[in-house]
Protein backbone atom coordinates (compact mmCIF):
# COMPACT_ATOMS: atom_id res chain seq x y z
CA MET A 1 0.00 0.00 0.00
CA TYR A 2 1.06 3.58 -0.68
CA LYS A 3 0.00 6.77 1.06
CA LEU A 4 -0.17 9.99 -0.95
CA PHE A 5 0.62 13.09 1.11
CA TYR A 6 -0.03 16.75 0.33
CA GLU A 7 0.44 19.53 2.88
CA GLN A 8 -3.03 21.01 2.32
CA TRP A 9 -4.87 17.73 2.89
CA GLU A 10 -6.07 16.80 6.33
CA LYS A 11 -5.03 13.18 5.82
CA PRO A 12 -3.26 11.13 3.13
CA PHE A 13 -4.99 9.27 0.32
CA GLU A 14 -4.38 5.53 0.54
CA ILE A 15 -3.53 3.66 -2.65
CA HIS A 16 -3.90 -0.10 -2.25
CA THR A 17 -1.90 -2.55 -4.32
CA ASN A 18 -4.47 -5.34 -4.62
CA THR A 19 -7.66 -3.42 -5.35
CA ILE A 20 -9.24 -1.07 -7.88
CA ASN A 21 -8.45 2.42 -6.57
CA GLU A 22 -11.08 4.95 -7.61
CA ILE A 23 -11.26 8.67 -6.85
CA SER A 24 -14.74 10.10 -7.20
CA PHE A 25 -15.17 13.83 -7.88
CA GLU A 26 -18.50 15.43 -7.04
CA LYS A 27 -17.54 18.91 -8.28
CA ARG A 28 -15.79 20.03 -11.45
CA GLU A 29 -13.67 22.42 -9.40
CA SER A 30 -12.37 19.60 -7.23
CA PHE A 31 -11.35 17.65 -10.32
CA ASN A 32 -9.59 20.68 -11.79
CA GLU A 33 -7.78 21.34 -8.52
CA PHE A 34 -6.58 17.75 -8.19
CA ILE A 35 -5.42 17.59 -11.83
CA ASN A 36 -3.56 20.88 -11.44
CA ILE A 37 -1.73 19.50 -8.43
CA ILE A 38 -0.67 16.17 -9.92
CA LEU A 39 0.34 17.68 -13.28
CA ASP A 40 2.53 20.31 -11.63
CA SER A 41 6.13 19.11 -12.14
CA GLU A 42 7.13 21.04 -9.02
CA ASN A 43 4.35 19.71 -6.83
CA GLU A 44 5.09 18.77 -3.25
CA LEU A 45 3.24 15.47 -3.34
CA LYS A 46 5.03 12.60 -1.67
CA LEU A 47 4.30 8.89 -1.63
CA GLN A 48 5.14 6.54 1.19
CA ASN A 49 5.56 2.85 0.50
CA MET A 50 4.00 1.26 3.57
CA SER A 51 5.95 -1.97 3.03
CA THR A 52 9.34 -0.26 3.31
CA CYS A 53 8.23 3.02 4.94
CA GLY A 54 10.37 4.78 2.34
CA PHE A 55 9.26 8.06 0.74
CA HIS A 56 9.26 8.85 -3.00
CA LYS A 57 8.64 12.01 -4.99
CA PHE A 58 5.37 11.80 -6.87
CA LYS A 59 6.95 12.35 -10.31
CA ASP A 60 9.54 9.61 -9.74
CA ILE A 61 7.12 6.69 -9.51
CA VAL A 62 3.82 8.02 -10.91
CA ILE A 63 2.73 8.64 -14.51
CA ILE A 64 -0.55 10.21 -15.66
CA ILE A 65 -2.23 8.99 -18.86
CA ASN A 66 -5.04 11.26 -20.06
CA ASP A 67 -5.68 9.64 -23.45
CA ILE A 68 -5.26 5.87 -23.62
CA PHE A 69 -5.64 5.93 -27.41
CA ASN A 70 -2.69 8.29 -27.91
CA ILE A 71 0.09 7.31 -25.52
CA ASP A 72 3.26 8.86 -26.93
CA VAL A 73 5.86 6.37 -25.76
CA SER A 74 8.53 7.37 -28.27
CA SER A 75 8.81 10.86 -26.75
CA ASP A 76 9.59 9.42 -23.32
CA LYS A 77 13.38 9.88 -23.16
CA THR A 78 13.72 7.72 -20.06
CA LEU A 79 12.02 4.72 -21.68
CA ILE A 80 14.02 5.12 -24.90
CA SER A 81 17.31 5.50 -23.04
CA ASN A 82 16.67 2.45 -20.87
CA LEU A 83 15.59 0.45 -23.93
CA TYR A 84 18.81 1.29 -25.79
CA LYS A 85 20.91 0.40 -22.75
CA GLN A 86 19.28 -3.01 -22.49
CA ILE A 87 19.69 -3.69 -26.22
CA VAL A 88 23.35 -2.63 -26.15
CA ASN A 89 24.04 -4.84 -23.13
CA LYS A 90 22.35 -7.73 -24.90
CA GLY A 91 24.41 -7.08 -28.03
CA TYR A 92 27.64 -7.38 -26.05
CA GLU A 93 26.68 -10.65 -24.39
CA GLN A 94 28.75 -13.72 -25.22
CA SER A 95 25.99 -15.23 -27.38
CA ASN A 96 25.92 -12.13 -29.62
CA ILE A 97 29.47 -10.79 -29.49
CA LYS A 98 30.76 -12.82 -32.46
CA LYS A 99 27.99 -11.46 -34.70
CA TYR A 100 28.80 -7.96 -33.48
CA GLU A 101 32.50 -8.37 -34.28
CA LYS A 102 31.74 -9.81 -37.72
CA ILE A 103 29.39 -6.93 -38.61
CA ASN A 104 31.92 -4.41 -37.28
CA THR A 105 34.63 -5.90 -39.50
CA HIS A 106 32.44 -5.76 -42.62
CA ILE A 107 31.45 -2.15 -41.97
CA CYS A 108 35.09 -1.10 -41.45
CA GLU A 109 36.12 -2.79 -44.71
CA TYR A 110 33.29 -1.08 -46.58
CA LEU A 111 34.10 2.36 -45.16
CA SER A 112 37.80 1.94 -45.87
CA GLU A 113 37.12 1.16 -49.54
CA LEU A 114 34.57 3.96 -49.81
CA LEU A 115 36.79 6.64 -48.26
CA GLN A 116 39.69 5.76 -50.52
CA GLN A 117 37.62 7.07 -53.42
CA PHE A 118 37.92 10.63 -52.09
CA PRO A 119 41.04 12.73 -52.76
CA VAL A 120 41.34 13.94 -49.17
CA PRO A 121 42.76 12.19 -46.09
CA LEU A 122 39.92 10.64 -44.05
CA THR A 123 39.74 8.36 -41.07
CA PHE A 124 37.06 6.79 -38.86
CA ASP A 125 36.52 5.03 -35.55
CA GLU A 126 36.81 1.29 -36.15
CA SER A 127 34.76 0.41 -33.08
CA LEU A 128 31.05 0.16 -33.91
CA ASP A 129 28.87 2.12 -31.47
CA LEU A 130 25.76 -0.02 -31.18
CA SER A 131 23.68 2.72 -29.50
CA SER A 132 24.39 5.04 -32.46
CA VAL A 133 23.26 2.28 -34.81
CA LEU A 134 19.98 1.99 -32.91
CA LYS A 135 19.38 5.73 -33.28
CA ALA A 136 20.41 5.75 -36.95
CA MET A 137 18.01 2.89 -37.70
CA SER A 138 15.23 4.58 -35.69
CA VAL A 139 14.68 1.63 -33.39
CA ARG A 140 11.46 2.44 -31.53
CA PHE A 141 8.55 0.89 -29.67
CA ASN A 142 5.90 -1.04 -31.54
CA TYR A 143 3.43 -1.80 -28.76
CA LEU A 144 0.17 -0.92 -30.52
CA CYS A 145 -2.23 -3.85 -30.91
CA GLU A 146 -5.61 -4.37 -32.54
CA ASP A 147 -7.57 -3.92 -29.32
CA ILE A 148 -7.00 -1.23 -26.71
CA LEU A 149 -6.82 -3.60 -23.73
CA THR A 150 -3.94 -5.60 -25.24
CA THR A 151 -2.22 -2.32 -26.10
CA LEU A 152 -2.50 -1.22 -22.47
CA PHE A 153 -1.09 -4.59 -21.36
CA SER A 154 1.92 -3.94 -23.60
CA TYR A 155 2.30 -0.45 -22.19
CA ILE A 156 2.29 -1.84 -18.65
CA ASP A 157 5.04 -4.25 -19.76
CA LEU A 158 7.10 -1.29 -21.01
CA LEU A 159 6.74 0.54 -17.71
CA HIS A 160 7.62 -2.58 -15.75
CA ASN A 161 10.73 -3.41 -17.77
CA LEU A 162 12.07 0.05 -18.59
CA SER A 163 11.04 2.46 -15.83
CA LYS A 164 10.67 2.98 -12.10
CA ILE A 165 6.96 3.76 -12.41
CA LYS A 166 4.85 2.06 -9.75
CA ILE A 167 1.53 3.90 -10.03
CA VAL A 168 -0.47 4.93 -13.14
CA PHE A 169 -3.25 7.53 -12.92
CA PHE A 170 -5.95 7.13 -15.62
CA PRO A 171 -8.33 10.12 -15.24
CA TYR A 172 -10.63 9.09 -18.12
CA LEU A 173 -10.33 5.30 -18.14
CA LYS A 174 -13.98 4.77 -17.12
CA LEU A 175 -15.10 6.73 -20.18
CA SER A 176 -13.23 4.36 -22.52
CA LEU A 177 -13.26 0.87 -21.00
CA SER A 178 -15.95 -1.35 -19.53
CA SER A 179 -15.86 -2.35 -15.87
CA GLU A 180 -14.60 -5.81 -16.75
CA GLN A 181 -11.86 -4.42 -18.99
CA ILE A 182 -10.72 -2.16 -16.16
CA PHE A 183 -10.77 -5.14 -13.82
CA GLU A 184 -8.57 -7.15 -16.21
CA LEU A 185 -6.17 -4.23 -16.66
CA VAL A 186 -5.78 -3.73 -12.90
CA LYS A 187 -5.30 -7.45 -12.43
CA TYR A 188 -2.61 -7.61 -15.13
CA ALA A 189 -0.83 -4.51 -13.79
CA HIS A 190 -0.71 -6.11 -10.35
CA THR A 191 1.34 -9.00 -11.77
CA LYS A 192 3.89 -6.36 -12.86
CA ASN A 193 3.89 -4.62 -9.45
CA ILE A 194 2.12 -1.57 -10.88
CA VAL A 195 -0.92 0.05 -9.25
CA ILE A 196 -3.68 1.75 -11.23
CA VAL A 197 -5.82 4.66 -10.00
CA ILE A 198 -8.97 5.61 -11.91
CA PHE A 199 -11.31 8.61 -11.66
CA SER A 200 -15.08 8.91 -11.73
CA PHE A 201 -17.16 12.06 -12.18
CA LYS A 202 -20.51 12.81 -10.57
CA PHE A 203 -20.71 16.44 -11.65
CA SER A 204 -21.30 15.84 -15.39
CA SER A 205 -24.87 15.32 -16.55
CA ASN A 206 -23.54 13.31 -19.47
CA ASN A 207 -21.20 10.60 -18.20
CA SER A 208 -19.58 10.28 -21.63
CA GLU A 209 -18.63 13.96 -21.55
CA LYS A 210 -14.94 14.40 -20.86
CA PRO A 211 -14.39 16.99 -18.11
CA GLU A 212 -12.18 19.86 -19.18
CA ILE A 213 -8.97 20.63 -17.35
CA GLU A 214 -9.02 24.24 -16.23
CA ASN A 215 -6.25 26.36 -14.77
CA ALA A 216 -8.37 28.16 -12.21
CA LYS A 217 -7.92 27.03 -8.61
CA GLN A 218 -10.12 27.41 -5.53
CA ASN A 219 -8.93 28.12 -2.01
CA GLN A 220 -10.78 25.22 -0.45
CA ILE A 221 -12.29 22.33 -2.36
CA SER A 222 -13.70 19.10 -1.01
CA VAL A 223 -12.74 15.92 -2.82
CA SER A 224 -14.81 12.82 -2.25
CA ILE A 225 -12.76 9.65 -2.20
CA THR A 226 -14.76 6.51 -2.89
CA SER A 227 -13.24 3.17 -2.01
CA ASN A 228 -15.08 1.43 -4.81
CA THR A 229 -12.71 -1.51 -4.75
CA ARG A 230 -12.51 -5.17 -5.61
CA ASN A 231 -9.82 -7.55 -4.56
CA ILE A 232 -8.27 -8.54 -7.89
CA TYR A 233 -8.01 -12.18 -6.87
CA ALA A 234 -11.67 -12.43 -5.88
CA ASP A 235 -14.36 -13.79 -8.15
CA ASN A 236 -15.36 -11.23 -10.81
CA SER A 237 -18.94 -11.23 -9.62
CA GLN A 238 -17.96 -10.27 -6.07
CA THR A 239 -17.24 -6.74 -4.93
CA ASP A 240 -15.72 -5.33 -1.82
CA SER A 241 -18.27 -4.29 0.78
CA ARG A 242 -16.84 -0.73 0.89
CA ASN A 243 -18.86 0.72 -1.98
CA GLU A 244 -20.12 3.79 -0.15
CA LEU A 245 -18.29 7.06 0.39
CA ASP A 246 -15.58 6.39 2.96
CA ASP A 247 -13.60 9.63 3.22
CA ILE A 248 -13.75 13.30 2.41
CA PHE A 249 -10.55 15.31 2.65
CA TYR A 250 -9.84 18.90 1.73
CA ILE A 251 -7.41 20.39 -0.77
């Protein structure tokens, strides 16, 4: 379990690792306030891992996905950098080193013959930089699948293998996936030691309407936290008994 702390809240928000964590917003202003806080790169939010009692900065282990249909993985420099490091390390392993040396030799021979055709003195580094090859060949993620749930599974795999992310906030997940799809996603993420937090909105007359993110902030806004949870190892037809409003804390 994690506890999310913010100095203006009366008590921390608990994020459980084996349940569906849902934050319910009764007012548009409370949603806007909460989004403004978590999207602020300089926010003072802190997370405590209750297993180790260690504290983490919010931005170090949390990622926020607003649009599940347009997750721009290739622009995430941390994921790309970690991917290249793993590929390079794999390339230098004993099982691959002979292929690497053979390719390096062929490239050096080709460049040597090519450069001799120019009437100026030229030289080059005879050691092949595998990371530069990956960039030159535009090696990138290809995690998109035919259905959105499988795509999200692949994205969870990326986070698990290439990042330190432990918690994913999906503000609009309930507007895009069914309850059972969300259940399956949370269950799969749990196997990768990643916790998912979803939002629900009671202030919109049309539940399919996507609430707008506004910049305006209020001095005091109540946020209703609903523990609408299910143990992910329980039978799908069973729900946790805590379906009513458990806590209200103030931002």
